[in-house]
Amino acid sequence: MMKSTLITAAFLLAITTAFAATPIRISPVVKEVTVYRSGAKLTSIAKVTVPAGRSEVIFENQTAAFNPQSLQVRLGGNVTLNAAVFQLKMPAPVAENPRVKIIRDSIVILGDQAAILQAEKEVYDGEYEMLTSKSQQIGTLTDKGQQNLDITQLRDLVEFYRQRMLDLKKQQHRLRLLQRSNGSYIQTLQNELQNLYPNTGNSSGEIIMKIESPVAQTIEIACTYLALQASWSPLYDVHANGLDKPLQLVYKANVFNSTGFDWKNVKLALSTAVPLTNNNRPILSPVFVDFRVMPQPVRKAADRAQANTNMYQLQEAVVTESEVMDAIAYPVPLVAVMEEPQEFLSTFDIAKPQDIPANGETNVVIIEERDMAAEYQYHAVPKLDASAFLLAKVADYGKYNLLAGTANIFFRDTYVGQTFINPNVTADTLLISLGRDEQISIKRIQPKDFTARKKILSNTVKESFAYEITVRNNKTIPISIEILDQVPVSKQEGIEVDVEEKDGAEYTETYGKLLWKLDIKAGQSKKIKFAYSIKYPKDKIIATVKGQEPQQ
């Protein structure tokens, strides 16, 4: 009796050990997703019943776009996690569709037909070229100055030539149609064949966990990791309901999910962080400046005698000795690195659960809606565009956690177009363009009487320029408008620019900017004008080069 009990106990122990050694496979549910500007943090949760002792739990059907270093496992209950690793799982091989062989054989036959058609086409093309070259000899003279053909022979040959060339044209056209049809059919079969092949690239991920438990129990396992192939970008709707009312901002997000698995009914959050960026501290290296050896052109002895011995070449430009010393004192690296402005790190929690399919298409999610206090101002640059633009000036815009993105503009519920919101500026006020106002007309002209070119000295030329700008307010309310224009800025000592009239404008000499601030009553007009002159040596030709002013 004792022996039978021992055998039964040993048998049960073997069965228990066998079951414990079998991996516990389960497909968890993605409950929480935090989408970054690049990448997303996924949290997959499942309840698992584990036996006493050691067991292996496998979370199946995870995205293959997985960052293994980001894996974190949280276990409920009194258990110990001994190991957790991520691995790719390739799909199991499937039996080949019987139609695959039929399609492959058809493609081979069509390929042979394509080769025959091409050979036939080459024969006709060769004959056509031969007849074309021989036709140039019809009716030519012999070495003795006589016709090599009589009238009858010439008529018969021309008739033959016309009939044969026409037949060749028909044959070439027929072959082109057959080749086009044949190629189209081959492409159709290849597309069908591609669809019939198993998608061997459709791999998935698995999280394999080694767990040790003192007793059999049901526990909750949560795996959090970073997935690639997901992102979000900001999108705004800006509603302006009147010049005496604040802006209404609808903050939205375009969310992209290409991880291979849909996110269904998930708790969604959007973060401005970029977790995959380089987190190593920057190290500053010395920057050296030196002369670059440049090939010198061969010059005459007289030119060499007149050459300034204190001239050097640096960065392919001829500069003086003092300029070289300035360059050494303030070195400029040969390669300039543009730094992106740092954005404020923010996280937006979406109140309602979301469904984001893994189709790689845009999924629009509303983040929040809020009012923004704004001051409205009309603005125009008639030199570039004879339209008045309504601007909203938003002060203290940092509290809104804005990111650079496209905004749809609505004025009194009418869509007026799109603009770009750029909070990455150093100005204290954020400017948002609300579109054109067609009830304000602007005209910029150059009166002929005020434009002239004359010599003021024997070796100096003076050119004068003048412009008139007329602004009319066709609205039923008064407006305040900024008018922006410019005069050229000289970068050479031999060129002098003199602003002769600016009609009350604020003048920024560094950029040659002229700014008028006008208050215009309803139904009235205002005219402003400015004039400037340019002096330069008569043996020189001047030209304007467009520069760039720092963004506001």
Protein backbone atom coordinates (compact mmCIF):
# COMPACT_ATOMS: atom_id res chain seq x y z
CA MET A 1 0.00 0.00 0.00
CA MET A 2 2.84 2.40 0.91
CA LYS A 3 4.61 1.57 -2.35
CA SER A 4 1.48 2.36 -4.38
CA THR A 5 1.12 5.73 -2.64
CA LEU A 6 4.73 6.64 -3.40
CA ILE A 7 4.28 5.73 -7.07
CA THR A 8 1.11 7.84 -7.31
CA ALA A 9 2.85 10.83 -5.67
CA ALA A 10 5.83 10.52 -8.00
CA PHE A 11 3.51 10.35 -11.01
CA LEU A 12 1.64 13.48 -9.93
CA LEU A 13 4.94 15.29 -9.36
CA ALA A 14 6.09 14.40 -12.88
CA ILE A 15 2.82 15.69 -14.37
CA THR A 16 3.09 18.91 -12.36
CA THR A 17 6.71 19.42 -13.46
CA ALA A 18 5.80 18.78 -17.08
CA PHE A 19 2.98 21.33 -16.97
CA ALA A 20 5.17 23.85 -15.17
CA ALA A 21 7.82 23.52 -17.86
CA THR A 22 5.29 24.40 -20.60
CA PRO A 23 5.39 28.15 -21.39
CA ILE A 24 2.27 30.10 -20.58
CA ARG A 25 1.36 32.01 -23.72
CA ILE A 26 -1.06 34.91 -23.58
CA SER A 27 -1.96 37.93 -25.74
CA PRO A 28 -2.10 40.96 -23.45
CA VAL A 29 -4.20 44.05 -24.07
CA VAL A 30 -2.62 47.44 -24.72
CA LYS A 31 -4.22 49.65 -22.09
CA GLU A 32 -2.10 52.81 -22.07
CA VAL A 33 -0.21 54.61 -24.85
CA THR A 34 1.95 57.70 -24.56
CA VAL A 35 2.83 58.96 -28.03
CA TYR A 36 6.00 61.04 -28.36
CA ARG A 37 6.99 63.29 -31.24
CA SER A 38 8.84 60.19 -32.40
CA GLY A 39 7.95 56.79 -30.93
CA ALA A 40 5.37 55.69 -28.39
CA LYS A 41 5.38 54.11 -24.94
CA LEU A 42 3.02 51.11 -24.78
CA THR A 43 1.73 49.41 -21.66
CA SER A 44 0.40 45.86 -22.21
CA ILE A 45 -1.46 44.26 -19.28
CA ALA A 46 -2.74 40.72 -18.69
CA LYS A 47 -3.78 38.53 -15.76
CA VAL A 48 -1.94 35.21 -15.62
CA THR A 49 -2.30 32.17 -13.38
CA VAL A 50 1.17 30.83 -12.52
CA PRO A 51 1.97 27.59 -10.68
CA ALA A 52 4.16 27.26 -7.64
CA GLY A 53 7.84 27.28 -8.52
CA ARG A 54 9.41 28.48 -11.74
CA SER A 55 7.41 29.22 -14.87
CA GLU A 56 7.79 30.94 -18.21
CA VAL A 57 5.22 33.51 -19.32
CA ILE A 58 5.22 34.78 -22.92
CA PHE A 59 3.39 37.91 -23.99
CA GLU A 60 2.54 37.27 -27.64
CA ASN A 61 1.48 39.57 -30.46
CA GLN A 62 3.64 42.54 -29.61
CA THR A 63 4.88 45.01 -32.18
CA ALA A 64 8.11 44.15 -33.95
CA ALA A 65 9.06 47.86 -33.87
CA PHE A 66 10.33 47.38 -30.34
CA ASN A 67 13.16 48.98 -28.39
CA PRO A 68 14.51 46.13 -26.19
CA GLN A 69 16.42 48.44 -23.83
CA SER A 70 13.21 50.23 -22.84
CA LEU A 71 11.40 47.15 -21.44
CA GLN A 72 10.01 47.45 -17.91
CA VAL A 73 7.95 44.72 -16.21
CA ARG A 74 5.65 45.29 -13.25
CA LEU A 75 4.33 42.22 -11.40
CA GLY A 76 1.46 41.98 -8.96
CA GLY A 77 1.35 39.44 -6.14
CA ASN A 78 4.18 37.73 -4.27
CA VAL A 79 6.34 36.64 -7.18
CA THR A 80 9.90 37.19 -8.39
CA LEU A 81 10.95 38.15 -11.90
CA ASN A 82 14.18 36.37 -12.78
CA ALA A 83 14.50 37.55 -16.40
CA ALA A 84 12.62 39.34 -19.17
CA VAL A 85 13.73 39.49 -22.77
CA PHE A 86 12.23 40.50 -26.09
CA GLN A 87 12.55 38.51 -29.31
CA LEU A 88 11.14 38.54 -32.82
CA LYS A 89 8.81 35.79 -33.92
CA MET A 90 8.58 34.99 -37.60
CA PRO A 91 5.24 33.73 -38.97
CA ALA A 92 4.94 29.98 -39.43
CA PRO A 93 5.37 28.71 -43.01
CA VAL A 94 2.15 28.11 -44.91
CA ALA A 95 1.33 25.82 -47.82
CA GLU A 96 1.72 27.37 -51.25
CA ASN A 97 -1.48 28.31 -53.03
CA PRO A 98 -2.11 25.98 -56.01
CA ARG A 99 -2.66 28.99 -58.27
CA VAL A 100 0.92 30.16 -57.70
CA LYS A 101 2.34 27.51 -60.09
CA ILE A 102 -0.25 28.38 -62.77
CA ILE A 103 0.64 32.07 -62.57
CA ARG A 104 4.39 31.40 -62.67
CA ASP A 105 4.00 29.21 -65.77
CA SER A 106 1.83 31.87 -67.42
CA ILE A 107 4.45 34.54 -66.76
CA VAL A 108 7.13 32.35 -68.38
CA ILE A 109 4.97 31.82 -71.51
CA LEU A 110 4.19 35.52 -71.73
CA GLY A 111 7.90 36.29 -71.34
CA ASP A 112 8.68 34.06 -74.31
CA GLN A 113 6.00 35.81 -76.34
CA ALA A 114 7.46 39.17 -75.36
CA ALA A 115 10.86 38.05 -76.68
CA ILE A 116 9.30 36.95 -80.01
CA LEU A 117 7.46 40.25 -80.36
CA GLN A 118 10.65 42.17 -79.66
CA ALA A 119 12.58 40.16 -82.26
CA GLU A 120 9.86 40.75 -84.86
CA LYS A 121 9.85 44.46 -84.04
CA GLU A 122 13.63 44.68 -84.49
CA VAL A 123 13.33 43.08 -87.97
CA TYR A 124 10.68 45.56 -89.06
CA ASP A 125 12.64 48.46 -87.57
CA GLY A 126 15.75 47.35 -89.48
CA GLU A 127 13.88 47.08 -92.76
CA TYR A 128 12.32 50.51 -92.19
CA GLU A 129 15.74 52.08 -91.61
CA MET A 130 17.17 50.37 -94.69
CA LEU A 131 14.37 51.59 -96.95
CA THR A 132 14.67 55.08 -95.52
CA SER A 133 18.38 55.20 -96.34
CA LYS A 134 17.90 53.69 -99.83
CA SER A 135 15.08 56.05 -100.66
CA GLN A 136 17.56 58.91 -100.63
CA GLN A 137 19.28 57.34 -103.66
CA ILE A 138 16.14 57.20 -105.82
CA GLY A 139 16.53 59.36 -108.90
CA THR A 140 20.17 60.26 -108.26
CA LEU A 141 22.67 60.74 -111.07
CA THR A 142 25.37 58.28 -112.04
CA ASP A 143 29.03 59.16 -112.30
CA LYS A 144 28.43 60.13 -115.92
CA GLY A 145 25.69 62.57 -114.99
CA GLN A 146 22.81 60.35 -116.18
CA GLN A 147 19.72 59.22 -114.31
CA ASN A 148 20.22 55.72 -112.91
CA LEU A 149 16.50 55.01 -113.43
CA ASP A 150 14.13 55.76 -116.26
CA ILE A 151 10.67 57.25 -115.61
CA THR A 152 8.88 53.91 -115.50
CA GLN A 153 11.38 52.32 -113.14
CA LEU A 154 11.30 55.41 -110.92
CA ARG A 155 7.48 55.35 -110.76
CA ASP A 156 7.41 51.64 -109.90
CA LEU A 157 10.09 52.05 -107.25
CA VAL A 158 8.32 54.98 -105.62
CA GLU A 159 5.07 53.00 -105.60
CA PHE A 160 6.82 50.04 -104.02
CA TYR A 161 8.50 52.30 -101.49
CA ARG A 162 5.20 53.93 -100.50
CA GLN A 163 3.33 50.65 -100.14
CA ARG A 164 6.10 48.92 -98.21
CA MET A 165 6.70 51.83 -95.86
CA LEU A 166 2.98 52.03 -95.12
CA ASP A 167 2.88 48.30 -94.41
CA LEU A 168 5.90 48.60 -92.13
CA LYS A 169 4.23 51.42 -90.20
CA LYS A 170 1.15 49.25 -89.67
CA GLN A 171 3.24 46.31 -88.52
CA GLN A 172 5.22 48.46 -86.10
CA HIS A 173 1.99 49.87 -84.65
CA ARG A 174 0.51 46.37 -84.31
CA LEU A 175 3.61 45.18 -82.45
CA ARG A 176 3.53 48.15 -80.10
CA LEU A 177 -0.07 47.34 -79.15
CA LEU A 178 0.77 43.67 -78.62
CA GLN A 179 3.81 44.53 -76.49
CA ARG A 180 1.77 46.95 -74.39
CA SER A 181 -1.00 44.37 -73.86
CA ASN A 182 1.53 41.63 -73.11
CA GLY A 183 3.42 43.80 -70.59
CA SER A 184 0.19 44.84 -68.86
CA TYR A 185 -0.91 41.22 -68.53
CA ILE A 186 2.48 40.23 -67.09
CA GLN A 187 2.27 43.04 -64.55
CA THR A 188 -1.24 41.94 -63.52
CA LEU A 189 -0.07 38.37 -62.98
CA GLN A 190 2.98 39.52 -61.01
CA ASN A 191 0.77 41.61 -58.71
CA GLU A 192 -1.53 38.64 -58.15
CA LEU A 193 1.46 36.40 -57.49
CA GLN A 194 2.80 38.84 -54.93
CA ASN A 195 -0.51 38.81 -53.09
CA LEU A 196 -0.55 35.02 -53.01
CA TYR A 197 2.89 34.73 -51.43
CA PRO A 198 2.88 34.53 -47.62
CA ASN A 199 3.98 37.79 -46.00
CA THR A 200 7.21 36.53 -44.47
CA GLY A 201 8.12 40.05 -43.39
CA ASN A 202 5.08 40.31 -41.12
CA SER A 203 6.92 39.36 -37.95
CA SER A 204 5.74 40.11 -34.44
CA GLY A 205 7.39 40.47 -31.06
CA GLU A 206 7.32 38.38 -27.91
CA ILE A 207 8.23 39.21 -24.33
CA ILE A 208 9.56 36.13 -22.52
CA MET A 209 9.51 36.35 -18.72
CA LYS A 210 10.98 33.90 -16.18
CA ILE A 211 8.88 34.01 -13.02
CA GLU A 212 9.22 32.28 -9.69
CA SER A 213 6.24 31.99 -7.33
CA PRO A 214 6.03 30.42 -3.84
CA VAL A 215 2.42 29.27 -4.47
CA ALA A 216 0.05 28.89 -7.37
CA GLN A 217 -1.71 32.22 -7.86
CA THR A 218 -3.21 34.65 -10.36
CA ILE A 219 -1.17 37.79 -10.90
CA GLU A 220 -1.32 40.88 -13.07
CA ILE A 221 1.63 41.54 -15.37
CA ALA A 222 2.20 44.93 -16.99
CA CYS A 223 4.93 45.35 -19.60
CA THR A 224 5.92 48.88 -20.64
CA TYR A 225 8.23 49.50 -23.58
CA LEU A 226 9.05 51.98 -26.29
CA ALA A 227 7.76 51.25 -29.78
CA LEU A 228 9.01 52.87 -32.95
CA GLN A 229 6.97 53.79 -36.04
CA ALA A 230 4.57 56.02 -34.15
CA SER A 231 4.45 59.79 -33.76
CA TRP A 232 2.24 62.82 -33.49
CA SER A 233 2.31 66.37 -34.83
CA PRO A 234 0.35 69.43 -33.72
CA LEU A 235 -2.56 70.89 -35.64
CA TYR A 236 -4.63 73.91 -34.69
CA ASP A 237 -7.99 75.45 -35.43
CA VAL A 238 -7.98 79.18 -34.67
CA HIS A 239 -11.35 80.93 -34.51
CA ALA A 240 -11.55 84.72 -34.51
CA ASN A 241 -15.12 85.80 -33.78
CA GLY A 242 -14.50 89.54 -33.68
CA LEU A 243 -11.85 92.15 -33.05
CA ASP A 244 -13.20 92.67 -29.53
CA LYS A 245 -13.14 88.99 -28.57
CA PRO A 246 -10.33 86.57 -27.64
CA LEU A 247 -9.08 83.91 -30.02
CA GLN A 248 -10.54 80.45 -29.62
CA LEU A 249 -7.80 77.85 -30.00
CA VAL A 250 -8.61 74.21 -30.68
CA TYR A 251 -5.41 72.27 -30.01
CA LYS A 252 -5.42 69.03 -32.02
CA ALA A 253 -2.95 66.30 -32.87
CA ASN A 254 -2.31 64.13 -35.91
CA VAL A 255 -1.49 60.74 -34.41
CA PHE A 256 0.26 58.10 -36.54
CA ASN A 257 0.38 54.41 -35.68
CA SER A 258 2.38 52.10 -37.93
CA THR A 259 3.38 49.56 -35.27
CA GLY A 260 1.39 46.76 -36.90
CA PHE A 261 -1.21 46.51 -34.10
CA ASP A 262 -4.31 48.62 -33.51
CA TRP A 263 -4.71 50.53 -30.28
CA LYS A 264 -8.28 49.96 -29.16
CA ASN A 265 -9.97 51.84 -26.34
CA VAL A 266 -6.61 52.94 -24.89
CA LYS A 267 -5.84 55.64 -22.38
CA LEU A 268 -3.95 58.04 -24.64
CA ALA A 269 -1.41 60.68 -23.72
CA LEU A 270 0.67 62.90 -26.00
CA SER A 271 4.13 64.05 -24.97
CA THR A 272 6.46 66.62 -26.49
CA ALA A 273 9.49 64.61 -25.35
CA VAL A 274 11.79 62.82 -27.79
CA PRO A 275 13.12 59.81 -25.81
CA LEU A 276 15.39 58.48 -28.56
CA THR A 277 17.58 61.58 -28.74
CA ASN A 278 21.22 61.51 -27.70
CA ASN A 279 21.43 62.08 -23.94
CA ASN A 280 25.21 62.44 -23.74
CA ARG A 281 26.38 65.85 -22.62
CA PRO A 282 27.91 68.02 -25.36
CA ILE A 283 31.69 68.41 -25.33
CA LEU A 284 33.19 71.59 -26.74
CA SER A 285 36.25 71.11 -28.93
CA PRO A 286 38.70 73.86 -29.90
CA VAL A 287 38.17 75.61 -33.21
CA PHE A 288 41.27 76.67 -35.14
CA VAL A 289 41.50 79.26 -37.86
CA ASP A 290 44.29 79.30 -40.40
CA PHE A 291 45.13 80.63 -43.83
CA ARG A 292 43.96 78.61 -46.78
CA VAL A 293 46.53 78.29 -49.57
CA MET A 294 44.99 79.67 -52.73
CA PRO A 295 46.37 79.50 -56.28
CA GLN A 296 47.56 82.92 -57.36
CA PRO A 297 46.92 84.11 -60.94
CA VAL A 298 49.90 85.10 -63.05
CA ARG A 299 50.15 88.87 -63.13
CA LYS A 300 52.29 91.33 -64.99
CA ALA A 301 55.29 92.88 -63.32
CA ALA A 302 53.61 96.29 -63.18
CA ASP A 303 50.54 94.78 -61.49
CA ARG A 304 52.72 92.97 -58.98
CA ALA A 305 54.55 96.22 -58.18
CA GLN A 306 51.25 97.97 -57.48
CA ALA A 307 49.84 95.11 -55.42
CA ASN A 308 49.33 95.74 -51.72
CA THR A 309 51.88 93.66 -49.85
CA ASN A 310 49.57 93.51 -46.81
CA MET A 311 46.83 91.54 -48.57
CA TYR A 312 45.96 88.00 -47.55
CA GLN A 313 43.47 85.37 -48.67
CA LEU A 314 41.20 83.79 -46.10
CA GLN A 315 38.20 81.60 -46.90
CA GLU A 316 38.51 82.34 -50.64
CA ALA A 317 38.02 86.09 -50.08
CA VAL A 318 40.66 88.82 -50.37
CA VAL A 319 40.88 90.75 -47.10
CA THR A 320 43.22 93.26 -45.53
CA GLU A 321 45.70 92.59 -42.75
CA SER A 322 43.44 94.19 -40.14
CA GLU A 323 40.52 92.02 -41.26
CA VAL A 324 42.71 88.94 -40.93
CA MET A 325 43.53 89.93 -37.34
CA ASP A 326 39.82 90.38 -36.64
CA ALA A 327 39.15 86.91 -38.07
CA ILE A 328 41.81 85.43 -35.79
CA ALA A 329 40.34 87.21 -32.79
CA TYR A 330 36.81 86.02 -33.62
CA PRO A 331 37.18 82.68 -35.41
CA VAL A 332 34.29 81.24 -37.36
CA PRO A 333 34.14 77.45 -37.83
CA LEU A 334 34.07 76.21 -41.38
CA VAL A 335 30.97 74.12 -40.69
CA ALA A 336 28.02 75.83 -39.03
CA VAL A 337 25.62 73.66 -37.05
CA MET A 338 22.05 74.93 -36.80
CA GLU A 339 20.51 74.24 -33.43
CA GLU A 340 16.80 73.63 -33.14
CA PRO A 341 15.12 75.64 -30.39
CA GLN A 342 14.34 73.61 -27.30
CA GLU A 343 10.63 73.04 -26.81
CA PHE A 344 8.95 72.97 -23.43
CA LEU A 345 8.32 69.39 -22.35
CA SER A 346 4.61 68.84 -21.84
CA THR A 347 2.25 65.90 -21.61
CA PHE A 348 -1.38 66.08 -22.67
CA ASP A 349 -3.73 63.46 -21.20
CA ILE A 350 -6.69 62.77 -23.48
CA ALA A 351 -9.86 62.50 -21.38
CA LYS A 352 -11.73 59.90 -23.43
CA PRO A 353 -10.35 56.47 -24.47
CA GLN A 354 -9.20 56.42 -28.08
CA ASP A 355 -9.04 53.98 -31.00
CA ILE A 356 -5.95 54.47 -33.18
CA PRO A 357 -5.75 51.94 -36.04
CA ALA A 358 -2.34 50.79 -37.27
CA ASN A 359 -2.90 51.95 -40.83
CA GLY A 360 -0.26 54.68 -40.85
CA GLU A 361 -2.91 57.26 -41.71
CA THR A 362 -3.73 60.47 -39.89
CA ASN A 363 -5.89 60.13 -36.79
CA VAL A 364 -7.01 63.51 -35.49
CA VAL A 365 -7.37 63.79 -31.72
CA ILE A 366 -8.58 66.90 -29.91
CA ILE A 367 -6.24 67.81 -27.05
CA GLU A 368 -7.96 70.84 -25.58
CA GLU A 369 -9.92 73.98 -26.36
CA ARG A 370 -9.18 77.33 -24.76
CA ASP A 371 -9.38 81.08 -25.22
CA MET A 372 -6.28 83.17 -25.90
CA ALA A 373 -6.26 86.86 -25.14
CA ALA A 374 -5.12 88.68 -28.26
CA GLU A 375 -4.60 92.17 -29.61
CA TYR A 376 -5.59 92.59 -33.24
CA GLN A 377 -3.58 94.60 -35.73
CA TYR A 378 -3.73 95.02 -39.51
CA HIS A 379 -0.38 94.65 -41.26
CA ALA A 380 0.70 95.18 -44.85
CA VAL A 381 3.87 94.98 -46.92
CA PRO A 382 2.69 96.55 -50.22
CA LYS A 383 6.08 96.06 -51.86
CA LEU A 384 5.46 92.31 -51.78
CA ASP A 385 1.66 91.99 -51.57
CA ALA A 386 -0.99 94.69 -51.99
CA SER A 387 -3.20 93.17 -49.29
CA ALA A 388 -3.88 93.93 -45.65
CA PHE A 389 -3.41 91.00 -43.30
CA LEU A 390 -5.10 90.79 -39.92
CA LEU A 391 -2.66 89.75 -37.21
CA ALA A 392 -3.46 88.49 -33.73
CA LYS A 393 -0.77 89.39 -31.22
CA VAL A 394 -0.65 86.93 -28.32
CA ALA A 395 1.41 87.93 -25.30
CA ASP A 396 2.78 85.44 -22.75
CA TYR A 397 2.21 82.61 -25.21
CA GLY A 398 4.51 80.21 -23.35
CA LYS A 399 1.70 79.22 -20.98
CA TYR A 400 -0.23 77.62 -23.84
CA ASN A 401 2.42 74.93 -24.53
CA LEU A 402 2.29 75.55 -28.25
CA LEU A 403 4.43 73.68 -30.75
CA ALA A 404 5.28 74.71 -34.29
CA GLY A 405 2.51 73.53 -36.59
CA THR A 406 -0.15 74.35 -39.18
CA ALA A 407 -3.30 76.17 -38.15
CA ASN A 408 -6.67 76.33 -39.93
CA ILE A 409 -7.99 79.89 -39.68
CA PHE A 410 -11.68 80.69 -39.24
CA PHE A 411 -13.02 84.25 -39.09
CA ARG A 412 -16.62 84.44 -37.88
CA ASP A 413 -17.12 80.74 -38.76
CA THR A 414 -15.76 81.23 -42.29
CA TYR A 415 -12.68 79.29 -43.29
CA VAL A 416 -10.12 81.76 -44.62
CA GLY A 417 -7.10 79.49 -45.12
CA GLN A 418 -4.08 78.18 -43.27
CA THR A 419 -1.16 79.76 -41.48
CA PHE A 420 1.87 78.49 -39.59
CA ILE A 421 2.21 79.00 -35.84
CA ASN A 422 5.84 79.25 -34.82
CA PRO A 423 6.36 79.63 -31.05
CA ASN A 424 10.12 79.06 -31.45
CA VAL A 425 10.88 82.76 -31.56
CA THR A 426 12.57 85.08 -29.12
CA ALA A 427 10.00 87.87 -29.31
CA ASP A 428 7.69 88.51 -26.37
CA THR A 429 4.62 88.44 -28.60
CA LEU A 430 3.46 85.63 -30.88
CA LEU A 431 2.06 86.80 -34.22
CA ILE A 432 -0.71 84.73 -35.82
CA SER A 433 -1.84 85.69 -39.30
CA LEU A 434 -5.62 85.54 -39.67
CA GLY A 435 -5.66 86.12 -43.41
CA ARG A 436 -6.41 88.96 -45.83
CA ASP A 437 -9.09 91.60 -45.42
CA GLU A 438 -10.50 92.45 -48.84
CA GLN A 439 -12.22 95.58 -47.46
CA ILE A 440 -8.86 97.34 -47.17
CA SER A 441 -7.28 98.38 -50.46
CA ILE A 442 -3.62 99.36 -50.85
CA LYS A 443 -1.76 100.78 -53.83
CA ARG A 444 2.00 101.40 -54.10
CA ILE A 445 3.27 103.44 -57.05
CA GLN A 446 6.54 105.01 -58.15
CA PRO A 447 5.86 108.51 -59.53
CA LYS A 448 8.00 109.23 -62.57
CA ASP A 449 8.56 112.82 -61.48
CA PHE A 450 10.37 111.67 -58.36
CA THR A 451 12.73 109.18 -59.94
CA ALA A 452 15.94 110.39 -61.59
CA ARG A 453 19.52 109.50 -62.39
CA LYS A 454 22.15 112.20 -62.73
CA LYS A 455 25.82 112.94 -62.27
CA ILE A 456 26.56 115.20 -59.31
CA LEU A 457 30.32 115.14 -59.74
CA SER A 458 32.60 114.11 -62.56
CA ASN A 459 33.09 110.68 -61.07
CA THR A 460 29.89 110.18 -59.01
CA VAL A 461 26.36 109.22 -59.96
CA LYS A 462 23.27 109.86 -57.85
CA GLU A 463 20.06 107.93 -58.38
CA SER A 464 16.87 109.11 -56.67
CA PHE A 465 13.82 106.97 -55.93
CA ALA A 466 10.41 107.84 -54.53
CA TYR A 467 7.27 105.85 -53.74
CA GLU A 468 3.69 106.66 -52.74
CA ILE A 469 1.48 104.29 -50.79
CA THR A 470 -2.28 104.85 -50.56
CA VAL A 471 -4.38 102.94 -48.03
CA ARG A 472 -8.19 103.06 -48.14
CA ASN A 473 -10.45 101.71 -45.41
CA ASN A 474 -13.68 100.46 -47.01
CA LYS A 475 -14.93 99.04 -43.73
CA THR A 476 -17.68 100.58 -41.59
CA ILE A 477 -15.38 100.80 -38.58
CA PRO A 478 -12.03 102.55 -38.08
CA ILE A 479 -8.85 100.48 -38.34
CA SER A 480 -5.29 100.58 -37.12
CA ILE A 481 -2.77 99.31 -39.65
CA GLU A 482 0.99 98.90 -39.89
CA ILE A 483 2.62 99.60 -43.25
CA LEU A 484 6.09 98.14 -43.79
CA ASP A 485 8.49 99.07 -46.57
CA GLN A 486 12.23 99.41 -47.01
CA VAL A 487 15.20 101.19 -48.50
CA PRO A 488 18.41 99.42 -49.51
CA VAL A 489 21.31 99.12 -47.07
CA SER A 490 24.85 99.79 -48.25
CA LYS A 491 27.59 97.33 -47.44
CA GLN A 492 30.33 99.20 -49.33
CA GLU A 493 32.05 102.46 -48.45
CA GLY A 494 31.76 103.60 -52.04
CA ILE A 495 27.95 103.35 -51.99
CA GLU A 496 25.97 105.91 -49.98
CA VAL A 497 22.25 105.55 -49.25
CA ASP A 498 20.44 108.65 -48.01
CA VAL A 499 16.81 108.58 -46.80
CA GLU A 500 15.51 111.94 -47.98
CA GLU A 501 11.90 111.57 -46.88
CA LYS A 502 10.12 109.05 -44.66
CA ASP A 503 6.83 110.79 -43.84
CA GLY A 504 6.88 109.98 -40.12
CA ALA A 505 7.97 106.36 -40.44
CA GLU A 506 10.03 104.57 -37.83
CA TYR A 507 13.37 103.90 -39.54
CA THR A 508 15.56 100.93 -38.61
CA GLU A 509 18.83 101.72 -40.32
CA THR A 510 20.38 98.26 -39.80
CA TYR A 511 17.79 96.62 -42.05
CA GLY A 512 16.58 99.67 -43.97
CA LYS A 513 13.09 99.12 -42.55
CA LEU A 514 10.38 101.80 -42.65
CA LEU A 515 7.34 101.29 -40.45
CA TRP A 516 4.21 103.47 -40.42
CA LYS A 517 1.40 103.06 -37.88
CA LEU A 518 -1.78 104.55 -39.28
CA ASP A 519 -5.26 105.07 -37.87
CA ILE A 520 -7.79 105.35 -40.68
CA LYS A 521 -11.45 106.19 -40.19
CA ALA A 522 -14.21 104.27 -41.92
CA GLY A 523 -14.52 105.09 -45.61
CA GLN A 524 -11.39 107.26 -45.67
CA SER A 525 -7.90 107.04 -47.19
CA LYS A 526 -4.39 107.99 -46.18
CA LYS A 527 -1.36 108.56 -48.36
CA ILE A 528 2.27 108.21 -47.31
CA LYS A 529 5.44 108.59 -49.29
CA PHE A 530 9.14 108.09 -48.91
CA ALA A 531 12.22 108.86 -50.97
CA TYR A 532 15.86 107.93 -50.95
CA SER A 533 18.96 108.33 -53.10
CA ILE A 534 22.01 106.21 -53.88
CA LYS A 535 25.43 107.66 -54.70
CA TYR A 536 28.16 105.54 -56.23
CA PRO A 537 31.17 105.82 -58.59
CA LYS A 538 30.16 106.28 -62.20
CA ASP A 539 32.45 103.44 -63.38
CA LYS A 540 30.61 100.93 -61.18
CA ILE A 541 27.36 99.07 -61.60
CA ILE A 542 25.20 98.56 -58.51
CA ALA A 543 22.83 95.72 -57.82
CA THR A 544 20.55 94.82 -54.92
CA VAL A 545 20.99 91.53 -53.08
CA LYS A 546 18.24 90.22 -50.86
CA GLY A 547 19.30 89.70 -47.25
CA GLN A 548 17.48 88.11 -44.33
CA GLU A 549 16.14 89.75 -41.20
CA PRO A 550 15.86 87.69 -38.00
CA GLN A 551 12.37 86.33 -37.42
CA GLN A 552 10.15 88.17 -35.00
